[in-house]
Amino acid sequence: MNRKTTPTQPHLRDTKKQFQGEKYTVTRHFIGNKDVASLIDALARERADRDFRLS
């Protein structure tokens, strides 16, 4: 089954245009009120920190 999101899905259409200038992801649409941008940010920081310590 193809899980790729397509513009034919009405709930995903025009999200880029609609939310330009905001930190907005399709993931956030499904999760709801949680701030996905900050979550991803924290995970990236944690991983960078770990990689730095390993080297």
PDB file of N, CA and C in Angstrom:
ATOM      1  N   MET A   1       0.842  -1.203   0.000  1.00  0.00           N
ATOM      2  CA  MET A   1       0.000   0.000   0.000  1.00  0.00           C
ATOM      3  C   MET A   1       0.875   1.250   0.000  1.00  0.00           C
ATOM      4  N   ASN A   2       0.531   2.177  -0.845  1.00  0.00           N
ATOM      5  CA  ASN A   2       1.321   3.401  -0.952  1.00  0.00           C
ATOM      6  C   ASN A   2       0.886   4.400   0.106  1.00  0.00           C
ATOM      7  N   ARG A   3       1.795   4.712   1.023  1.00  0.00           N
ATOM      8  CA  ARG A   3       1.453   5.617   2.126  1.00  0.00           C
ATOM      9  C   ARG A   3       1.868   7.060   1.850  1.00  0.00           C
ATOM     10  N   LYS A   4       2.436   7.292   0.677  1.00  0.00           N
ATOM     11  CA  LYS A   4       2.877   8.646   0.331  1.00  0.00           C
ATOM     12  C   LYS A   4       1.683   9.586   0.316  1.00  0.00           C
ATOM     13  N   THR A   5       1.837  10.751   0.944  1.00  0.00           N
ATOM     14  CA  THR A   5       0.724  11.696   0.954  1.00  0.00           C
ATOM     15  C   THR A   5       0.614  12.365  -0.412  1.00  0.00           C
ATOM     16  N   THR A   6      -0.593  12.484  -0.888  1.00  0.00           N
ATOM     17  CA  THR A   6      -0.825  13.099  -2.184  1.00  0.00           C
ATOM     18  C   THR A   6      -1.737  14.304  -2.023  1.00  0.00           C
ATOM     19  N   PRO A   7      -1.655  15.264  -2.946  1.00  0.00           N
ATOM     20  CA  PRO A   7      -2.499  16.457  -2.885  1.00  0.00           C
ATOM     21  C   PRO A   7      -3.987  16.152  -2.974  1.00  0.00           C
ATOM     22  N   THR A   8      -4.312  14.907  -3.355  1.00  0.00           N
ATOM     23  CA  THR A   8      -5.722  14.542  -3.466  1.00  0.00           C
ATOM     24  C   THR A   8      -6.367  14.376  -2.096  1.00  0.00           C
ATOM     25  N   GLN A   9      -5.540  14.274  -1.052  1.00  0.00           N
ATOM     26  CA  GLN A   9      -6.098  14.183   0.298  1.00  0.00           C
ATOM     27  C   GLN A   9      -6.460  15.592   0.762  1.00  0.00           C
ATOM     28  N   PRO A  10      -7.750  15.882   0.911  1.00  0.00           N
ATOM     29  CA  PRO A  10      -8.201  17.254   1.190  1.00  0.00           C
ATOM     30  C   PRO A  10      -7.638  17.840   2.476  1.00  0.00           C
ATOM     31  N   HIS A  11      -7.423  17.010   3.498  1.00  0.00           N
ATOM     32  CA  HIS A  11      -6.939  17.534   4.774  1.00  0.00           C
ATOM     33  C   HIS A  11      -5.455  17.917   4.716  1.00  0.00           C
ATOM     34  N   LEU A  12      -4.751  17.514   3.645  1.00  0.00           N
ATOM     35  CA  LEU A  12      -3.341  17.864   3.527  1.00  0.00           C
ATOM     36  C   LEU A  12      -3.089  18.907   2.442  1.00  0.00           C
ATOM     37  N   ARG A  13      -4.120  19.232   1.687  1.00  0.00           N
ATOM     38  CA  ARG A  13      -3.950  20.143   0.570  1.00  0.00           C
ATOM     39  C   ARG A  13      -3.594  21.561   1.026  1.00  0.00           C
ATOM     40  N   ASP A  14      -2.620  22.171   0.342  1.00  0.00           N
ATOM     41  CA  ASP A  14      -2.245  23.572   0.545  1.00  0.00           C
ATOM     42  C   ASP A  14      -1.696  23.886   1.939  1.00  0.00           C
ATOM     43  N   THR A  15      -1.167  22.902   2.650  1.00  0.00           N
ATOM     44  CA  THR A  15      -0.645  23.200   3.979  1.00  0.00           C
ATOM     45  C   THR A  15       0.561  24.135   3.882  1.00  0.00           C
ATOM     46  N   LYS A  16       1.406  23.947   2.867  1.00  0.00           N
ATOM     47  CA  LYS A  16       2.576  24.805   2.715  1.00  0.00           C
ATOM     48  C   LYS A  16       2.171  26.257   2.501  1.00  0.00           C
ATOM     49  N   LYS A  17       1.233  26.477   1.586  1.00  0.00           N
ATOM     50  CA  LYS A  17       0.772  27.825   1.280  1.00  0.00           C
ATOM     51  C   LYS A  17       0.110  28.454   2.506  1.00  0.00           C
ATOM     52  N   GLN A  18      -0.716  27.657   3.167  1.00  0.00           N
ATOM     53  CA  GLN A  18      -1.527  28.131   4.277  1.00  0.00           C
ATOM     54  C   GLN A  18      -0.676  28.518   5.486  1.00  0.00           C
ATOM     55  N   PHE A  19       0.391  27.757   5.731  1.00  0.00           N
ATOM     56  CA  PHE A  19       1.157  27.956   6.948  1.00  0.00           C
ATOM     57  C   PHE A  19       2.559  28.482   6.679  1.00  0.00           C
ATOM     58  N   GLN A  20       2.733  29.167   5.558  1.00  0.00           N
ATOM     59  CA  GLN A  20       4.041  29.704   5.220  1.00  0.00           C
ATOM     60  C   GLN A  20       4.484  30.685   6.298  1.00  0.00           C
ATOM     61  N   GLY A  21       5.765  30.591   6.687  1.00  0.00           N
ATOM     62  CA  GLY A  21       6.275  31.474   7.719  1.00  0.00           C
ATOM     63  C   GLY A  21       6.145  30.890   9.106  1.00  0.00           C
ATOM     64  N   GLU A  22       5.400  29.808   9.247  1.00  0.00           N
ATOM     65  CA  GLU A  22       5.270  29.145  10.542  1.00  0.00           C
ATOM     66  C   GLU A  22       6.055  27.848  10.513  1.00  0.00           C
ATOM     67  N   LYS A  23       6.470  27.395  11.678  1.00  0.00           N
ATOM     68  CA  LYS A  23       7.053  26.060  11.752  1.00  0.00           C
ATOM     69  C   LYS A  23       5.887  25.097  11.755  1.00  0.00           C
ATOM     70  N   TYR A  24       5.575  24.568  10.590  1.00  0.00           N
ATOM     71  CA  TYR A  24       4.414  23.683  10.497  1.00  0.00           C
ATOM     72  C   TYR A  24       4.781  22.420   9.743  1.00  0.00           C
ATOM     73  N   THR A  25       4.391  21.284  10.281  1.00  0.00           N
ATOM     74  CA  THR A  25       4.637  20.032   9.585  1.00  0.00           C
ATOM     75  C   THR A  25       3.342  19.268   9.472  1.00  0.00           C
ATOM     76  N   VAL A  26       3.289  18.363   8.508  1.00  0.00           N
ATOM     77  CA  VAL A  26       2.108  17.523   8.346  1.00  0.00           C
ATOM     78  C   VAL A  26       1.919  16.650   9.581  1.00  0.00           C
ATOM     79  N   THR A  27       3.052  16.264  10.189  1.00  0.00           N
ATOM     80  CA  THR A  27       3.001  15.441  11.392  1.00  0.00           C
ATOM     81  C   THR A  27       2.191  16.143  12.478  1.00  0.00           C
ATOM     82  N   ARG A  28       2.421  17.435  12.617  1.00  0.00           N
ATOM     83  CA  ARG A  28       1.742  18.214  13.632  1.00  0.00           C
ATOM     84  C   ARG A  28       0.230  18.172  13.446  1.00  0.00           C
ATOM     85  N   HIS A  29      -0.184  18.094  12.187  1.00  0.00           N
ATOM     86  CA  HIS A  29      -1.611  18.017  11.865  1.00  0.00           C
ATOM     87  C   HIS A  29      -2.239  16.794  12.521  1.00  0.00           C
ATOM     88  N   PHE A  30      -1.510  15.686  12.515  1.00  0.00           N
ATOM     89  CA  PHE A  30      -2.053  14.449  13.063  1.00  0.00           C
ATOM     90  C   PHE A  30      -1.906  14.363  14.577  1.00  0.00           C
ATOM     91  N   ILE A  31      -0.819  14.903  15.103  1.00  0.00           N
ATOM     92  CA  ILE A  31      -0.577  14.806  16.540  1.00  0.00           C
ATOM     93  C   ILE A  31      -1.452  15.785  17.308  1.00  0.00           C
ATOM     94  N   GLY A  32      -1.761  16.912  16.695  1.00  0.00           N
ATOM     95  CA  GLY A  32      -2.638  17.860  17.358  1.00  0.00           C
ATOM     96  C   GLY A  32      -1.898  19.035  17.943  1.00  0.00           C
ATOM     97  N   ASN A  33      -2.107  19.287  19.233  1.00  0.00           N
ATOM     98  CA  ASN A  33      -1.595  20.500  19.847  1.00  0.00           C
ATOM     99  C   ASN A  33      -0.133  20.445  20.254  1.00  0.00           C
ATOM    100  N   LYS A  34       0.451  19.258  20.255  1.00  0.00           N
ATOM    101  CA  LYS A  34       1.855  19.141  20.651  1.00  0.00           C
ATOM    102  C   LYS A  34       2.749  19.874  19.656  1.00  0.00           C
ATOM    103  N   ASP A  35       3.749  20.540  20.146  1.00  0.00           N
ATOM    104  CA  ASP A  35       4.628  21.302  19.266  1.00  0.00           C
ATOM    105  C   ASP A  35       5.696  20.383  18.687  1.00  0.00           C
ATOM    106  N   VAL A  36       5.436  19.882  17.496  1.00  0.00           N
ATOM    107  CA  VAL A  36       6.322  18.930  16.845  1.00  0.00           C
ATOM    108  C   VAL A  36       7.671  19.550  16.505  1.00  0.00           C
ATOM    109  N   ALA A  37       7.633  20.817  16.117  1.00  0.00           N
ATOM    110  CA  ALA A  37       8.874  21.504  15.756  1.00  0.00           C
ATOM    111  C   ALA A  37       9.871  21.468  16.908  1.00  0.00           C
ATOM    112  N   SER A  38       9.401  21.751  18.124  1.00  0.00           N
ATOM    113  CA  SER A  38      10.301  21.753  19.276  1.00  0.00           C
ATOM    114  C   SER A  38      10.731  20.338  19.647  1.00  0.00           C
ATOM    115  N   LEU A  39       9.842  19.373  19.419  1.00  0.00           N
ATOM    116  CA  LEU A  39      10.173  17.975  19.681  1.00  0.00           C
ATOM    117  C   LEU A  39      11.316  17.507  18.781  1.00  0.00           C
ATOM    118  N   ILE A  40      11.180  17.783  17.489  1.00  0.00           N
ATOM    119  CA  ILE A  40      12.215  17.414  16.521  1.00  0.00           C
ATOM    120  C   ILE A  40      13.522  18.129  16.856  1.00  0.00           C
ATOM    121  N   ASP A  41      13.399  19.391  17.241  1.00  0.00           N
ATOM    122  CA  ASP A  41      14.546  20.201  17.640  1.00  0.00           C
ATOM    123  C   ASP A  41      15.297  19.544  18.796  1.00  0.00           C
ATOM    124  N   ALA A  42      14.543  19.129  19.805  1.00  0.00           N
ATOM    125  CA  ALA A  42      15.137  18.502  20.985  1.00  0.00           C
ATOM    126  C   ALA A  42      15.819  17.183  20.622  1.00  0.00           C
ATOM    127  N   LEU A  43      15.168  16.386  19.778  1.00  0.00           N
ATOM    128  CA  LEU A  43      15.747  15.117  19.363  1.00  0.00           C
ATOM    129  C   LEU A  43      17.043  15.332  18.586  1.00  0.00           C
ATOM    130  N   ALA A  44      17.051  16.321  17.710  1.00  0.00           N
ATOM    131  CA  ALA A  44      18.239  16.623  16.914  1.00  0.00           C
ATOM    132  C   ALA A  44      19.390  17.068  17.814  1.00  0.00           C
ATOM    133  N   ARG A  45      19.065  17.899  18.799  1.00  0.00           N
ATOM    134  CA  ARG A  45      20.078  18.393  19.720  1.00  0.00           C
ATOM    135  C   ARG A  45      20.667  17.237  20.535  1.00  0.00           C
ATOM    136  N   GLU A  46      19.787  16.352  20.997  1.00  0.00           N
ATOM    137  CA  GLU A  46      20.203  15.196  21.789  1.00  0.00           C
ATOM    138  C   GLU A  46      21.136  14.295  20.977  1.00  0.00           C
ATOM    139  N   ARG A  47      20.770  14.067  19.718  1.00  0.00           N
ATOM    140  CA  ARG A  47      21.568  13.203  18.860  1.00  0.00           C
ATOM    141  C   ARG A  47      22.935  13.832  18.556  1.00  0.00           C
ATOM    142  N   ALA A  48      22.940  15.133  18.282  1.00  0.00           N
ATOM    143  CA  ALA A  48      24.194  15.838  18.003  1.00  0.00           C
ATOM    144  C   ALA A  48      25.110  15.766  19.219  1.00  0.00           C
ATOM    145  N   ASP A  49      24.526  15.921  20.393  1.00  0.00           N
ATOM    146  CA  ASP A  49      25.268  15.861  21.646  1.00  0.00           C
ATOM    147  C   ASP A  49      25.904  14.488  21.832  1.00  0.00           C
ATOM    148  N   ARG A  50      25.122  13.444  21.587  1.00  0.00           N
ATOM    149  CA  ARG A  50      25.602  12.075  21.734  1.00  0.00           C
ATOM    150  C   ARG A  50      26.721  11.778  20.732  1.00  0.00           C
ATOM    151  N   ASP A  51      26.517  12.190  19.476  1.00  0.00           N
ATOM    152  CA  ASP A  51      27.522  11.973  18.435  1.00  0.00           C
ATOM    153  C   ASP A  51      28.823  12.683  18.789  1.00  0.00           C
ATOM    154  N   PHE A  52      28.699  13.861  19.369  1.00  0.00           N
ATOM    155  CA  PHE A  52      29.875  14.638  19.750  1.00  0.00           C
ATOM    156  C   PHE A  52      30.667  13.915  20.846  1.00  0.00           C
ATOM    157  N   ARG A  53      29.934  13.351  21.808  1.00  0.00           N
ATOM    158  CA  ARG A  53      30.591  12.644  22.902  1.00  0.00           C
ATOM    159  C   ARG A  53      31.258  11.347  22.431  1.00  0.00           C
ATOM    160  N   LEU A  54      30.673  10.698  21.428  1.00  0.00           N
ATOM    161  CA  LEU A  54      31.221   9.446  20.923  1.00  0.00           C
ATOM    162  C   LEU A  54      32.528   9.655  20.158  1.00  0.00           C
ATOM    163  N   SER A  55      32.644  10.800  19.483  1.00  0.00           N
ATOM    164  CA  SER A  55      33.839  11.039  18.669  1.00  0.00           C
ATOM    165  C   SER A  55      35.045  11.418  19.518  1.00  0.00           C
TER     166      SER A  55
END
